[in-house]
Amino acid sequence: MTSATTETPAGTNPGAGTDLAPMAMRRTGQSERYVLQAAALRRRQLRAAVLYGSARSWRQRQPLWPAALIGAICVALVVAAFAVANAFEQQRQRDAEAEAERNALHAPPAAALLHTP
């Protein structure tokens, strides 16, 4: 019959985190355990450096594409704003020229006003 609790050796505390340590480290003393943990940490750091480049870790690596996309959208909005402002200015100039032409066609010549007997 199996029990729901795990079997632990006498004198060990199951909540002390020894279950997470590899079997080789469970049999060693504290000083050797420290050396083995330091070596394991160094191995993980070297593996992360090889796999992820100068970023040292995949957790620190920031994706570049969202910033590039936001920058491209901002540039497009600024260019569109300039284009719309330029189009409005050109339309205003065309309207002013058309108004001037209409006024010139409907107004009598200035010379005819001066020479009336």
PDB file of N, CA and C in Angstrom:
ATOM      1  N   MET A   1       0.836  -1.169   0.000  1.00  0.00           N
ATOM      2  CA  MET A   1       0.000   0.000   0.000  1.00  0.00           C
ATOM      3  C   MET A   1       0.885   1.237   0.000  1.00  0.00           C
ATOM      4  N   THR A   2       0.591   2.177  -0.850  1.00  0.00           N
ATOM      5  CA  THR A   2       1.392   3.401  -0.930  1.00  0.00           C
ATOM      6  C   THR A   2       0.747   4.473  -0.089  1.00  0.00           C
ATOM      7  N   SER A   3       1.588   5.273   0.515  1.00  0.00           N
ATOM      8  CA  SER A   3       1.056   6.355   1.331  1.00  0.00           C
ATOM      9  C   SER A   3       1.147   7.665   0.571  1.00  0.00           C
ATOM     10  N   ALA A   4       0.351   8.641   0.972  1.00  0.00           N
ATOM     11  CA  ALA A   4       0.318   9.940   0.306  1.00  0.00           C
ATOM     12  C   ALA A   4       1.523  10.785   0.677  1.00  0.00           C
ATOM     13  N   THR A   5       2.182  10.466   1.788  1.00  0.00           N
ATOM     14  CA  THR A   5       3.349  11.233   2.205  1.00  0.00           C
ATOM     15  C   THR A   5       4.599  10.603   1.642  1.00  0.00           C
ATOM     16  N   THR A   6       5.621  11.404   1.430  1.00  0.00           N
ATOM     17  CA  THR A   6       6.880  10.889   0.887  1.00  0.00           C
ATOM     18  C   THR A   6       7.765  10.447   2.033  1.00  0.00           C
ATOM     19  N   GLU A   7       8.534   9.457   1.782  1.00  0.00           N
ATOM     20  CA  GLU A   7       9.457   8.937   2.783  1.00  0.00           C
ATOM     21  C   GLU A   7      10.680   9.839   2.828  1.00  0.00           C
ATOM     22  N   THR A   8      11.035  10.305   4.027  1.00  0.00           N
ATOM     23  CA  THR A   8      12.227  11.139   4.193  1.00  0.00           C
ATOM     24  C   THR A   8      13.153  10.458   5.170  1.00  0.00           C
ATOM     25  N   PRO A   9      14.456  10.571   4.955  1.00  0.00           N
ATOM     26  CA  PRO A   9      15.399   9.960   5.891  1.00  0.00           C
ATOM     27  C   PRO A   9      15.295  10.635   7.247  1.00  0.00           C
ATOM     28  N   ALA A  10      15.698   9.925   8.269  1.00  0.00           N
ATOM     29  CA  ALA A  10      15.630  10.463   9.627  1.00  0.00           C
ATOM     30  C   ALA A  10      16.607  11.618   9.769  1.00  0.00           C
ATOM     31  N   GLY A  11      16.169  12.656  10.442  1.00  0.00           N
ATOM     32  CA  GLY A  11      17.045  13.798  10.696  1.00  0.00           C
ATOM     33  C   GLY A  11      17.000  14.855   9.613  1.00  0.00           C
ATOM     34  N   THR A  12      16.203  14.687   8.585  1.00  0.00           N
ATOM     35  CA  THR A  12      16.102  15.705   7.535  1.00  0.00           C
ATOM     36  C   THR A  12      14.758  16.372   7.632  1.00  0.00           C
ATOM     37  N   ASN A  13      14.727  17.601   7.234  1.00  0.00           N
ATOM     38  CA  ASN A  13      13.501  18.386   7.249  1.00  0.00           C
ATOM     39  C   ASN A  13      12.947  18.426   5.831  1.00  0.00           C
ATOM     40  N   PRO A  14      11.751  17.926   5.568  1.00  0.00           N
ATOM     41  CA  PRO A  14      11.231  17.913   4.196  1.00  0.00           C
ATOM     42  C   PRO A  14      10.971  19.303   3.656  1.00  0.00           C
ATOM     43  N   GLY A  15      10.761  20.299   4.503  1.00  0.00           N
ATOM     44  CA  GLY A  15      10.497  21.651   4.034  1.00  0.00           C
ATOM     45  C   GLY A  15      11.765  22.470   3.829  1.00  0.00           C
ATOM     46  N   ALA A  16      12.933  21.891   4.012  1.00  0.00           N
ATOM     47  CA  ALA A  16      14.186  22.648   3.935  1.00  0.00           C
ATOM     48  C   ALA A  16      14.662  22.823   2.515  1.00  0.00           C
ATOM     49  N   GLY A  17      14.013  22.257   1.518  1.00  0.00           N
ATOM     50  CA  GLY A  17      14.409  22.436   0.128  1.00  0.00           C
ATOM     51  C   GLY A  17      15.408  21.412  -0.342  1.00  0.00           C
ATOM     52  N   THR A  18      15.671  20.368   0.440  1.00  0.00           N
ATOM     53  CA  THR A  18      16.618  19.345   0.018  1.00  0.00           C
ATOM     54  C   THR A  18      16.039  18.481  -1.089  1.00  0.00           C
ATOM     55  N   ASP A  19      14.735  18.463  -1.246  1.00  0.00           N
ATOM     56  CA  ASP A  19      14.117  17.676  -2.315  1.00  0.00           C
ATOM     57  C   ASP A  19      14.435  18.259  -3.678  1.00  0.00           C
ATOM     58  N   LEU A  20      14.753  19.539  -3.732  1.00  0.00           N
ATOM     59  CA  LEU A  20      15.050  20.183  -5.007  1.00  0.00           C
ATOM     60  C   LEU A  20      16.497  19.978  -5.429  1.00  0.00           C
ATOM     61  N   ALA A  21      17.363  19.571  -4.513  1.00  0.00           N
ATOM     62  CA  ALA A  21      18.780  19.388  -4.823  1.00  0.00           C
ATOM     63  C   ALA A  21      18.979  18.065  -5.546  1.00  0.00           C
ATOM     64  N   PRO A  22      19.939  18.022  -6.482  1.00  0.00           N
ATOM     65  CA  PRO A  22      20.232  16.750  -7.157  1.00  0.00           C
ATOM     66  C   PRO A  22      20.757  15.716  -6.146  1.00  0.00           C
ATOM     67  N   MET A  23      20.703  14.464  -6.519  1.00  0.00           N
ATOM     68  CA  MET A  23      21.099  13.381  -5.619  1.00  0.00           C
ATOM     69  C   MET A  23      22.564  13.508  -5.205  1.00  0.00           C
ATOM     70  N   ALA A  24      23.436  13.938  -6.112  1.00  0.00           N
ATOM     71  CA  ALA A  24      24.852  14.063  -5.774  1.00  0.00           C
ATOM     72  C   ALA A  24      25.070  15.119  -4.708  1.00  0.00           C
ATOM     73  N   MET A  25      24.249  16.148  -4.697  1.00  0.00           N
ATOM     74  CA  MET A  25      24.428  17.217  -3.728  1.00  0.00           C
ATOM     75  C   MET A  25      23.805  16.862  -2.381  1.00  0.00           C
ATOM     76  N   ARG A  26      22.895  15.904  -2.327  1.00  0.00           N
ATOM     77  CA  ARG A  26      22.279  15.514  -1.061  1.00  0.00           C
ATOM     78  C   ARG A  26      23.266  14.772  -0.169  1.00  0.00           C
ATOM     79  N   ARG A  27      24.247  14.127  -0.778  1.00  0.00           N
ATOM     80  CA  ARG A  27      25.195  13.318  -0.027  1.00  0.00           C
ATOM     81  C   ARG A  27      26.437  14.095   0.396  1.00  0.00           C
ATOM     82  N   THR A  28      26.546  15.349  -0.020  1.00  0.00           N
ATOM     83  CA  THR A  28      27.763  16.109   0.270  1.00  0.00           C
ATOM     84  C   THR A  28      27.560  17.023   1.460  1.00  0.00           C
ATOM     85  N   GLY A  29      28.667  17.496   2.009  1.00  0.00           N
ATOM     86  CA  GLY A  29      28.611  18.424   3.117  1.00  0.00           C
ATOM     87  C   GLY A  29      28.327  19.835   2.630  1.00  0.00           C
ATOM     88  N   GLN A  30      28.209  20.761   3.579  1.00  0.00           N
ATOM     89  CA  GLN A  30      27.855  22.139   3.233  1.00  0.00           C
ATOM     90  C   GLN A  30      28.914  22.817   2.370  1.00  0.00           C
ATOM     91  N   SER A  31      30.185  22.639   2.698  1.00  0.00           N
ATOM     92  CA  SER A  31      31.227  23.336   1.934  1.00  0.00           C
ATOM     93  C   SER A  31      31.294  22.819   0.503  1.00  0.00           C
ATOM     94  N   GLU A  32      31.208  21.501   0.335  1.00  0.00           N
ATOM     95  CA  GLU A  32      31.223  20.956  -1.021  1.00  0.00           C
ATOM     96  C   GLU A  32      29.950  21.334  -1.771  1.00  0.00           C
ATOM     97  N   ARG A  33      28.838  21.388  -1.061  1.00  0.00           N
ATOM     98  CA  ARG A  33      27.576  21.776  -1.682  1.00  0.00           C
ATOM     99  C   ARG A  33      27.663  23.210  -2.221  1.00  0.00           C
ATOM    100  N   TYR A  34      28.294  24.085  -1.466  1.00  0.00           N
ATOM    101  CA  TYR A  34      28.468  25.462  -1.909  1.00  0.00           C
ATOM    102  C   TYR A  34      29.299  25.516  -3.185  1.00  0.00           C
ATOM    103  N   VAL A  35      30.373  24.742  -3.237  1.00  0.00           N
ATOM    104  CA  VAL A  35      31.228  24.719  -4.423  1.00  0.00           C
ATOM    105  C   VAL A  35      30.463  24.166  -5.617  1.00  0.00           C
ATOM    106  N   LEU A  36      29.702  23.101  -5.400  1.00  0.00           N
ATOM    107  CA  LEU A  36      28.930  22.522  -6.500  1.00  0.00           C
ATOM    108  C   LEU A  36      27.845  23.478  -6.989  1.00  0.00           C
ATOM    109  N   GLN A  37      27.184  24.185  -6.077  1.00  0.00           N
ATOM    110  CA  GLN A  37      26.164  25.156  -6.488  1.00  0.00           C
ATOM    111  C   GLN A  37      26.785  26.307  -7.263  1.00  0.00           C
ATOM    112  N   ALA A  38      27.955  26.768  -6.841  1.00  0.00           N
ATOM    113  CA  ALA A  38      28.634  27.840  -7.562  1.00  0.00           C
ATOM    114  C   ALA A  38      29.025  27.378  -8.964  1.00  0.00           C
ATOM    115  N   ALA A  39      29.501  26.143  -9.077  1.00  0.00           N
ATOM    116  CA  ALA A  39      29.880  25.612 -10.394  1.00  0.00           C
ATOM    117  C   ALA A  39      28.642  25.468 -11.282  1.00  0.00           C
ATOM    118  N   ALA A  40      27.533  25.005 -10.704  1.00  0.00           N
ATOM    119  CA  ALA A  40      26.303  24.864 -11.495  1.00  0.00           C
ATOM    120  C   ALA A  40      25.797  26.227 -11.953  1.00  0.00           C
ATOM    121  N   LEU A  41      25.875  27.224 -11.067  1.00  0.00           N
ATOM    122  CA  LEU A  41      25.459  28.569 -11.448  1.00  0.00           C
ATOM    123  C   LEU A  41      26.328  29.110 -12.575  1.00  0.00           C
ATOM    124  N   ARG A  42      27.637  28.917 -12.459  1.00  0.00           N
ATOM    125  CA  ARG A  42      28.552  29.392 -13.514  1.00  0.00           C
ATOM    126  C   ARG A  42      28.258  28.692 -14.835  1.00  0.00           C
ATOM    127  N   ARG A  43      27.966  27.393 -14.798  1.00  0.00           N
ATOM    128  CA  ARG A  43      27.633  26.659 -16.020  1.00  0.00           C
ATOM    129  C   ARG A  43      26.371  27.208 -16.667  1.00  0.00           C
ATOM    130  N   ARG A  44      25.341  27.505 -15.842  1.00  0.00           N
ATOM    131  CA  ARG A  44      24.105  28.080 -16.388  1.00  0.00           C
ATOM    132  C   ARG A  44      24.366  29.457 -17.006  1.00  0.00           C
ATOM    133  N   GLN A  45      25.202  30.252 -16.352  1.00  0.00           N
ATOM    134  CA  GLN A  45      25.508  31.581 -16.894  1.00  0.00           C
ATOM    135  C   GLN A  45      26.256  31.479 -18.214  1.00  0.00           C
ATOM    136  N   LEU A  46      27.220  30.567 -18.291  1.00  0.00           N
ATOM    137  CA  LEU A  46      27.965  30.393 -19.539  1.00  0.00           C
ATOM    138  C   LEU A  46      27.065  29.873 -20.652  1.00  0.00           C
ATOM    139  N   ARG A  47      26.168  28.931 -20.316  1.00  0.00           N
ATOM    140  CA  ARG A  47      25.251  28.410 -21.329  1.00  0.00           C
ATOM    141  C   ARG A  47      24.329  29.519 -21.833  1.00  0.00           C
ATOM    142  N   ALA A  48      23.835  30.353 -20.917  1.00  0.00           N
ATOM    143  CA  ALA A  48      22.964  31.458 -21.330  1.00  0.00           C
ATOM    144  C   ALA A  48      23.731  32.451 -22.179  1.00  0.00           C
ATOM    145  N   ALA A  49      25.001  32.703 -21.847  1.00  0.00           N
ATOM    146  CA  ALA A  49      25.801  33.636 -22.634  1.00  0.00           C
ATOM    147  C   ALA A  49      26.032  33.109 -24.042  1.00  0.00           C
ATOM    148  N   VAL A  50      26.251  31.807 -24.160  1.00  0.00           N
ATOM    149  CA  VAL A  50      26.459  31.223 -25.488  1.00  0.00           C
ATOM    150  C   VAL A  50      25.164  31.245 -26.290  1.00  0.00           C
ATOM    151  N   LEU A  51      24.056  30.893 -25.639  1.00  0.00           N
ATOM    152  CA  LEU A  51      22.786  30.811 -26.357  1.00  0.00           C
ATOM    153  C   LEU A  51      22.205  32.175 -26.702  1.00  0.00           C
ATOM    154  N   TYR A  52      22.356  33.140 -25.809  1.00  0.00           N
ATOM    155  CA  TYR A  52      21.659  34.412 -25.984  1.00  0.00           C
ATOM    156  C   TYR A  52      22.581  35.592 -26.235  1.00  0.00           C
ATOM    157  N   GLY A  53      23.838  35.369 -26.483  1.00  0.00           N
ATOM    158  CA  GLY A  53      24.751  36.446 -26.857  1.00  0.00           C
ATOM    159  C   GLY A  53      25.124  37.350 -25.705  1.00  0.00           C
ATOM    160  N   SER A  54      25.378  38.609 -26.028  1.00  0.00           N
ATOM    161  CA  SER A  54      25.872  39.537 -25.026  1.00  0.00           C
ATOM    162  C   SER A  54      24.810  39.927 -24.009  1.00  0.00           C
ATOM    163  N   ALA A  55      23.555  39.564 -24.257  1.00  0.00           N
ATOM    164  CA  ALA A  55      22.491  39.887 -23.317  1.00  0.00           C
ATOM    165  C   ALA A  55      22.616  39.067 -22.032  1.00  0.00           C
ATOM    166  N   ARG A  56      23.412  37.997 -22.039  1.00  0.00           N
ATOM    167  CA  ARG A  56      23.693  37.131 -20.901  1.00  0.00           C
ATOM    168  C   ARG A  56      22.527  36.250 -20.476  1.00  0.00           C
ATOM    169  N   SER A  57      21.339  36.679 -20.743  1.00  0.00           N
ATOM    170  CA  SER A  57      20.196  35.873 -20.337  1.00  0.00           C
ATOM    171  C   SER A  57      19.008  36.200 -21.236  1.00  0.00           C
ATOM    172  N   TRP A  58      18.154  35.216 -21.475  1.00  0.00           N
ATOM    173  CA  TRP A  58      16.981  35.459 -22.311  1.00  0.00           C
ATOM    174  C   TRP A  58      15.991  36.352 -21.595  1.00  0.00           C
ATOM    175  N   ARG A  59      16.035  36.414 -20.267  1.00  0.00           N
ATOM    176  CA  ARG A  59      15.094  37.244 -19.527  1.00  0.00           C
ATOM    177  C   ARG A  59      15.357  38.725 -19.733  1.00  0.00           C
ATOM    178  N   GLN A  60      16.612  39.091 -19.963  1.00  0.00           N
ATOM    179  CA  GLN A  60      16.964  40.498 -20.104  1.00  0.00           C
ATOM    180  C   GLN A  60      16.823  40.995 -21.530  1.00  0.00           C
ATOM    181  N   ARG A  61      16.627  40.111 -22.455  1.00  0.00           N
ATOM    182  CA  ARG A  61      16.572  40.496 -23.864  1.00  0.00           C
ATOM    183  C   ARG A  61      15.243  41.161 -24.179  1.00  0.00           C
ATOM    184  N   GLN A  62      15.292  42.386 -24.650  1.00  0.00           N
ATOM    185  CA  GLN A  62      14.086  43.133 -24.984  1.00  0.00           C
ATOM    186  C   GLN A  62      13.808  42.994 -26.481  1.00  0.00           C
ATOM    187  N   PRO A  63      12.591  42.699 -26.867  1.00  0.00           N
ATOM    188  CA  PRO A  63      12.279  42.602 -28.296  1.00  0.00           C
ATOM    189  C   PRO A  63      12.336  43.982 -28.951  1.00  0.00           C
ATOM    190  N   LEU A  64      12.871  44.026 -30.148  1.00  0.00           N
ATOM    191  CA  LEU A  64      13.073  45.286 -30.849  1.00  0.00           C
ATOM    192  C   LEU A  64      11.898  45.648 -31.746  1.00  0.00           C
ATOM    193  N   TRP A  65      11.161  44.672 -32.240  1.00  0.00           N
ATOM    194  CA  TRP A  65      10.144  44.963 -33.252  1.00  0.00           C
ATOM    195  C   TRP A  65       8.994  45.825 -32.744  1.00  0.00           C
ATOM    196  N   PRO A  66       8.542  45.735 -31.487  1.00  0.00           N
ATOM    197  CA  PRO A  66       7.456  46.647 -31.075  1.00  0.00           C
ATOM    198  C   PRO A  66       7.885  48.113 -31.095  1.00  0.00           C
ATOM    199  N   ALA A  67       9.108  48.381 -30.663  1.00  0.00           N
ATOM    200  CA  ALA A  67       9.589  49.758 -30.679  1.00  0.00           C
ATOM    201  C   ALA A  67       9.741  50.260 -32.117  1.00  0.00           C
ATOM    202  N   ALA A  68      10.224  49.405 -33.006  1.00  0.00           N
ATOM    203  CA  ALA A  68      10.367  49.802 -34.409  1.00  0.00           C
ATOM    204  C   ALA A  68       8.997  50.056 -35.042  1.00  0.00           C
ATOM    205  N   LEU A  69       8.020  49.235 -34.716  1.00  0.00           N
ATOM    206  CA  LEU A  69       6.672  49.411 -35.254  1.00  0.00           C
ATOM    207  C   LEU A  69       6.048  50.713 -34.752  1.00  0.00           C
ATOM    208  N   ILE A  70       6.192  50.994 -33.469  1.00  0.00           N
ATOM    209  CA  ILE A  70       5.650  52.238 -32.916  1.00  0.00           C
ATOM    210  C   ILE A  70       6.342  53.443 -33.539  1.00  0.00           C
ATOM    211  N   GLY A  71       7.650  53.360 -33.730  1.00  0.00           N
ATOM    212  CA  GLY A  71       8.380  54.455 -34.374  1.00  0.00           C
ATOM    213  C   GLY A  71       7.924  54.685 -35.807  1.00  0.00           C
ATOM    214  N   ALA A  72       7.708  53.607 -36.550  1.00  0.00           N
ATOM    215  CA  ALA A  72       7.247  53.738 -37.932  1.00  0.00           C
ATOM    216  C   ALA A  72       5.851  54.360 -37.988  1.00  0.00           C
ATOM    217  N   ILE A  73       4.989  53.973 -37.057  1.00  0.00           N
ATOM    218  CA  ILE A  73       3.640  54.548 -37.019  1.00  0.00           C
ATOM    219  C   ILE A  73       3.702  56.034 -36.696  1.00  0.00           C
ATOM    220  N   CYS A  74       4.554  56.420 -35.756  1.00  0.00           N
ATOM    221  CA  CYS A  74       4.700  57.845 -35.409  1.00  0.00           C
ATOM    222  C   CYS A  74       5.210  58.654 -36.597  1.00  0.00           C
ATOM    223  N   VAL A  75       6.203  58.124 -37.305  1.00  0.00           N
ATOM    224  CA  VAL A  75       6.730  58.823 -38.479  1.00  0.00           C
ATOM    225  C   VAL A  75       5.650  58.960 -39.545  1.00  0.00           C
ATOM    226  N   ALA A  76       4.873  57.903 -39.757  1.00  0.00           N
ATOM    227  CA  ALA A  76       3.797  57.958 -40.749  1.00  0.00           C
ATOM    228  C   ALA A  76       2.746  58.999 -40.370  1.00  0.00           C
ATOM    229  N   LEU A  77       2.413  59.087 -39.085  1.00  0.00           N
ATOM    230  CA  LEU A  77       1.445  60.092 -38.647  1.00  0.00           C
ATOM    231  C   LEU A  77       1.964  61.511 -38.848  1.00  0.00           C
ATOM    232  N   VAL A  78       3.233  61.750 -38.569  1.00  0.00           N
ATOM    233  CA  VAL A  78       3.807  63.086 -38.755  1.00  0.00           C
ATOM    234  C   VAL A  78       3.825  63.449 -40.236  1.00  0.00           C
ATOM    235  N   VAL A  79       4.225  62.513 -41.091  1.00  0.00           N
ATOM    236  CA  VAL A  79       4.254  62.771 -42.539  1.00  0.00           C
ATOM    237  C   VAL A  79       2.838  63.032 -43.053  1.00  0.00           C
ATOM    238  N   ALA A  80       1.863  62.264 -42.575  1.00  0.00           N
ATOM    239  CA  ALA A  80       0.480  62.467 -43.003  1.00  0.00           C
ATOM    240  C   ALA A  80      -0.041  63.829 -42.549  1.00  0.00           C
ATOM    241  N   ALA A  81       0.321  64.253 -41.345  1.00  0.00           N
ATOM    242  CA  ALA A  81      -0.115  65.566 -40.851  1.00  0.00           C
ATOM    243  C   ALA A  81       0.465  66.682 -41.713  1.00  0.00           C
ATOM    244  N   PHE A  82       1.741  66.568 -42.072  1.00  0.00           N
ATOM    245  CA  PHE A  82       2.350  67.577 -42.945  1.00  0.00           C
ATOM    246  C   PHE A  82       1.682  67.594 -44.319  1.00  0.00           C
ATOM    247  N   ALA A  83       1.358  66.426 -44.858  1.00  0.00           N
ATOM    248  CA  ALA A  83       0.721  66.350 -46.172  1.00  0.00           C
ATOM    249  C   ALA A  83      -0.668  66.987 -46.141  1.00  0.00           C
ATOM    250  N   VAL A  84      -1.428  66.729 -45.089  1.00  0.00           N
ATOM    251  CA  VAL A  84      -2.765  67.309 -44.979  1.00  0.00           C
ATOM    252  C   VAL A  84      -2.677  68.826 -44.823  1.00  0.00           C
ATOM    253  N   ALA A  85      -1.744  69.305 -44.004  1.00  0.00           N
ATOM    254  CA  ALA A  85      -1.584  70.747 -43.826  1.00  0.00           C
ATOM    255  C   ALA A  85      -1.181  71.417 -45.134  1.00  0.00           C
ATOM    256  N   ASN A  86      -0.291  70.781 -45.886  1.00  0.00           N
ATOM    257  CA  ASN A  86       0.128  71.331 -47.180  1.00  0.00           C
ATOM    258  C   ASN A  86      -1.039  71.347 -48.167  1.00  0.00           C
ATOM    259  N   ALA A  87      -1.859  70.298 -48.178  1.00  0.00           N
ATOM    260  CA  ALA A  87      -3.015  70.252 -49.072  1.00  0.00           C
ATOM    261  C   ALA A  87      -4.015  71.348 -48.733  1.00  0.00           C
ATOM    262  N   PHE A  88      -4.270  71.579 -47.455  1.00  0.00           N
ATOM    263  CA  PHE A  88      -5.175  72.660 -47.061  1.00  0.00           C
ATOM    264  C   PHE A  88      -4.631  74.023 -47.488  1.00  0.00           C
ATOM    265  N   GLU A  89      -3.333  74.237 -47.331  1.00  0.00           N
ATOM    266  CA  GLU A  89      -2.725  75.520 -47.730  1.00  0.00           C
ATOM    267  C   GLU A  89      -2.846  75.733 -49.234  1.00  0.00           C
ATOM    268  N   GLN A  90      -2.577  74.688 -50.025  1.00  0.00           N
ATOM    269  CA  GLN A  90      -2.702  74.819 -51.481  1.00  0.00           C
ATOM    270  C   GLN A  90      -4.150  75.077 -51.883  1.00  0.00           C
ATOM    271  N   GLN A  91      -5.100  74.422 -51.237  1.00  0.00           N
ATOM    272  CA  GLN A  91      -6.509  74.650 -51.556  1.00  0.00           C
ATOM    273  C   GLN A  91      -6.919  76.079 -51.209  1.00  0.00           C
ATOM    274  N   ARG A  92      -6.413  76.591 -50.096  1.00  0.00           N
ATOM    275  CA  ARG A  92      -6.732  77.967 -49.715  1.00  0.00           C
ATOM    276  C   ARG A  92      -6.170  78.959 -50.745  1.00  0.00           C
ATOM    277  N   GLN A  93      -4.962  78.679 -51.242  1.00  0.00           N
ATOM    278  CA  GLN A  93      -4.382  79.555 -52.275  1.00  0.00           C
ATOM    279  C   GLN A  93      -5.196  79.484 -53.560  1.00  0.00           C
ATOM    280  N   ARG A  94      -5.642  78.284 -53.949  1.00  0.00           N
ATOM    281  CA  ARG A  94      -6.456  78.155 -55.165  1.00  0.00           C
ATOM    282  C   ARG A  94      -7.787  78.901 -55.009  1.00  0.00           C
ATOM    283  N   ASP A  95      -8.407  78.795 -53.835  1.00  0.00           N
ATOM    284  CA  ASP A  95      -9.667  79.500 -53.586  1.00  0.00           C
ATOM    285  C   ASP A  95      -9.461  81.011 -53.648  1.00  0.00           C
ATOM    286  N   ALA A  96      -8.341  81.492 -53.115  1.00  0.00           N
ATOM    287  CA  ALA A  96      -8.063  82.928 -53.148  1.00  0.00           C
ATOM    288  C   ALA A  96      -7.838  83.396 -54.583  1.00  0.00           C
ATOM    289  N   GLU A  97      -7.139  82.608 -55.391  1.00  0.00           N
ATOM    290  CA  GLU A  97      -6.917  82.961 -56.808  1.00  0.00           C
ATOM    291  C   GLU A  97      -8.232  82.947 -57.574  1.00  0.00           C
ATOM    292  N   ALA A  98      -9.081  81.954 -57.314  1.00  0.00           N
ATOM    293  CA  ALA A  98     -10.374  81.884 -58.006  1.00  0.00           C
ATOM    294  C   ALA A  98     -11.253  83.076 -57.610  1.00  0.00           C
ATOM    295  N   GLU A  99     -11.241  83.473 -56.370  1.00  0.00           N
ATOM    296  CA  GLU A  99     -12.001  84.629 -55.915  1.00  0.00           C
ATOM    297  C   GLU A  99     -11.490  85.912 -56.572  1.00  0.00           C
ATOM    298  N   ALA A 100     -10.182  86.020 -56.708  1.00  0.00           N
ATOM    299  CA  ALA A 100      -9.600  87.197 -57.354  1.00  0.00           C
ATOM    300  C   ALA A 100      -9.996  87.246 -58.827  1.00  0.00           C
ATOM    301  N   GLU A 101     -10.026  86.097 -59.502  1.00  0.00           N
ATOM    302  CA  GLU A 101     -10.434  86.064 -60.914  1.00  0.00           C
ATOM    303  C   GLU A 101     -11.907  86.439 -61.058  1.00  0.00           C
ATOM    304  N   ARG A 102     -12.766  85.941 -60.169  1.00  0.00           N
ATOM    305  CA  ARG A 102     -14.177  86.274 -60.222  1.00  0.00           C
ATOM    306  C   ARG A 102     -14.406  87.771 -59.990  1.00  0.00           C
ATOM    307  N   ASN A 103     -13.684  88.341 -59.070  1.00  0.00           N
ATOM    308  CA  ASN A 103     -13.806  89.773 -58.806  1.00  0.00           C
ATOM    309  C   ASN A 103     -13.317  90.594 -59.989  1.00  0.00           C
ATOM    310  N   ALA A 104     -12.285  90.118 -60.672  1.00  0.00           N
ATOM    311  CA  ALA A 104     -11.749  90.839 -61.821  1.00  0.00           C
ATOM    312  C   ALA A 104     -12.720  90.784 -63.002  1.00  0.00           C
ATOM    313  N   LEU A 105     -13.437  89.682 -63.182  1.00  0.00           N
ATOM    314  CA  LEU A 105     -14.369  89.559 -64.289  1.00  0.00           C
ATOM    315  C   LEU A 105     -15.634  90.386 -64.050  1.00  0.00           C
ATOM    316  N   HIS A 106     -16.100  90.461 -62.844  1.00  0.00           N
ATOM    317  CA  HIS A 106     -17.347  91.163 -62.547  1.00  0.00           C
ATOM    318  C   HIS A 106     -17.159  92.661 -62.321  1.00  0.00           C
ATOM    319  N   ALA A 107     -16.018  93.092 -61.991  1.00  0.00           N
ATOM    320  CA  ALA A 107     -15.792  94.523 -61.728  1.00  0.00           C
ATOM    321  C   ALA A 107     -15.514  95.237 -63.057  1.00  0.00           C
ATOM    322  N   PRO A 108     -16.032  96.458 -63.221  1.00  0.00           N
ATOM    323  CA  PRO A 108     -15.736  97.211 -64.439  1.00  0.00           C
ATOM    324  C   PRO A 108     -14.278  97.665 -64.418  1.00  0.00           C
ATOM    325  N   PRO A 109     -13.684  97.844 -65.581  1.00  0.00           N
ATOM    326  CA  PRO A 109     -12.292  98.283 -65.633  1.00  0.00           C
ATOM    327  C   PRO A 109     -12.143  99.636 -64.968  1.00  0.00           C
ATOM    328  N   ALA A 110     -11.042  99.881 -64.370  1.00  0.00           N
ATOM    329  CA  ALA A 110     -10.790 101.127 -63.648  1.00  0.00           C
ATOM    330  C   ALA A 110     -10.653 102.291 -64.619  1.00  0.00           C
ATOM    331  N   ALA A 111     -10.171 102.051 -65.843  1.00  0.00           N
ATOM    332  CA  ALA A 111      -9.981 103.099 -66.818  1.00  0.00           C
ATOM    333  C   ALA A 111     -11.330 103.630 -67.295  1.00  0.00           C
ATOM    334  N   ALA A 112     -12.380 102.810 -67.394  1.00  0.00           N
ATOM    335  CA  ALA A 112     -13.685 103.244 -67.836  1.00  0.00           C
ATOM    336  C   ALA A 112     -14.322 104.175 -66.813  1.00  0.00           C
ATOM    337  N   LEU A 113     -14.027 104.018 -65.600  1.00  0.00           N
ATOM    338  CA  LEU A 113     -14.569 104.893 -64.564  1.00  0.00           C
ATOM    339  C   LEU A 113     -13.941 106.286 -64.597  1.00  0.00           C
ATOM    340  N   LEU A 114     -12.698 106.377 -64.975  1.00  0.00           N
ATOM    341  CA  LEU A 114     -11.994 107.656 -64.971  1.00  0.00           C
ATOM    342  C   LEU A 114     -12.346 108.533 -66.183  1.00  0.00           C
ATOM    343  N   HIS A 115     -12.678 107.940 -67.334  1.00  0.00           N
ATOM    344  CA  HIS A 115     -12.896 108.698 -68.561  1.00  0.00           C
ATOM    345  C   HIS A 115     -14.359 108.932 -68.882  1.00  0.00           C
ATOM    346  N   THR A 116     -15.221 108.985 -67.987  1.00  0.00           N
ATOM    347  CA  THR A 116     -16.630 109.222 -68.271  1.00  0.00           C
ATOM    348  C   THR A 116     -16.869 110.715 -68.419  1.00  0.00           C
ATOM    349  N   PRO A 117     -17.540 111.188 -69.513  1.00  0.00           N
ATOM    350  CA  PRO A 117     -17.798 112.621 -69.697  1.00  0.00           C
ATOM    351  C   PRO A 117     -18.996 113.138 -68.962  1.00  0.00           C
TER     352      PRO A 117
END
